Protein backbone atom coordinates (compact mmCIF):
# COMPACT_ATOMS: atom_id res chain seq x y z
CA UNK A 1 0.00 0.00 0.00
CA UNK A 2 2.74 2.44 0.95
CA UNK A 3 4.61 1.63 -2.24
CA UNK A 4 1.50 2.45 -4.29
CA UNK A 5 1.04 5.78 -2.49
CA UNK A 6 4.67 6.64 -3.08
CA UNK A 7 4.33 5.90 -6.79
CA UNK A 8 1.16 7.95 -7.22
CA UNK A 9 2.71 10.79 -5.22
CA UNK A 10 5.77 10.74 -7.48
CA UNK A 11 3.68 10.72 -10.65
CA UNK A 12 1.54 13.62 -9.41
CA UNK A 13 4.72 15.55 -8.68
CA UNK A 14 5.84 14.91 -12.26
CA UNK A 15 2.49 16.15 -13.57
CA UNK A 16 2.84 19.26 -11.41
CA UNK A 17 6.33 19.83 -12.82
CA UNK A 18 5.00 19.58 -16.37
CA UNK A 19 2.14 21.96 -15.57
CA UNK A 20 4.57 24.50 -14.06
CA UNK A 21 6.84 24.30 -17.10
CA UNK A 22 3.87 24.80 -19.42
CA UNK A 23 2.66 27.82 -17.43
CA UNK A 24 6.12 29.42 -17.47
CA UNK A 25 6.40 28.80 -21.21
CA UNK A 26 2.97 30.31 -21.88
CA UNK A 27 3.74 33.38 -19.77
CA UNK A 28 7.04 33.90 -21.57
CA UNK A 29 5.35 33.46 -24.96
CA UNK A 30 2.69 36.03 -24.09
CA UNK A 31 5.36 38.60 -23.20
CA UNK A 32 7.11 38.34 -26.58
C-alpha atoms as a PDB file:
ATOM      1  CA  UNK A   1       0.000   0.000   0.000  1.00  0.00           C
ATOM      2  CA  UNK A   2       2.737   2.441   0.949  1.00  0.00           C
ATOM      3  CA  UNK A   3       4.606   1.627  -2.242  1.00  0.00           C
ATOM      4  CA  UNK A   4       1.503   2.451  -4.292  1.00  0.00           C
ATOM      5  CA  UNK A   5       1.039   5.777  -2.495  1.00  0.00           C
ATOM      6  CA  UNK A   6       4.667   6.639  -3.079  1.00  0.00           C
ATOM      7  CA  UNK A   7       4.334   5.898  -6.788  1.00  0.00           C
ATOM      8  CA  UNK A   8       1.160   7.949  -7.217  1.00  0.00           C
ATOM      9  CA  UNK A   9       2.712  10.792  -5.222  1.00  0.00           C
ATOM     10  CA  UNK A  10       5.771  10.742  -7.478  1.00  0.00           C
ATOM     11  CA  UNK A  11       3.678  10.717 -10.646  1.00  0.00           C
ATOM     12  CA  UNK A  12       1.537  13.616  -9.415  1.00  0.00           C
ATOM     13  CA  UNK A  13       4.723  15.546  -8.682  1.00  0.00           C
ATOM     14  CA  UNK A  14       5.836  14.912 -12.258  1.00  0.00           C
ATOM     15  CA  UNK A  15       2.487  16.147 -13.574  1.00  0.00           C
ATOM     16  CA  UNK A  16       2.843  19.259 -11.405  1.00  0.00           C
ATOM     17  CA  UNK A  17       6.329  19.828 -12.822  1.00  0.00           C
ATOM     18  CA  UNK A  18       5.001  19.579 -16.375  1.00  0.00           C
ATOM     19  CA  UNK A  19       2.141  21.957 -15.570  1.00  0.00           C
ATOM     20  CA  UNK A  20       4.565  24.499 -14.062  1.00  0.00           C
ATOM     21  CA  UNK A  21       6.842  24.304 -17.100  1.00  0.00           C
ATOM     22  CA  UNK A  22       3.870  24.799 -19.417  1.00  0.00           C
ATOM     23  CA  UNK A  23       2.665  27.817 -17.435  1.00  0.00           C
ATOM     24  CA  UNK A  24       6.117  29.422 -17.473  1.00  0.00           C
ATOM     25  CA  UNK A  25       6.399  28.802 -21.208  1.00  0.00           C
ATOM     26  CA  UNK A  26       2.973  30.309 -21.878  1.00  0.00           C
ATOM     27  CA  UNK A  27       3.741  33.379 -19.767  1.00  0.00           C
ATOM     28  CA  UNK A  28       7.041  33.896 -21.571  1.00  0.00           C
ATOM     29  CA  UNK A  29       5.348  33.458 -24.957  1.00  0.00           C
ATOM     30  CA  UNK A  30       2.690  36.031 -24.088  1.00  0.00           C
ATOM     31  CA  UNK A  31       5.362  38.596 -23.198  1.00  0.00           C
ATOM     32  CA  UNK A  32       7.112  38.339 -26.579  1.00  0.00           C
END
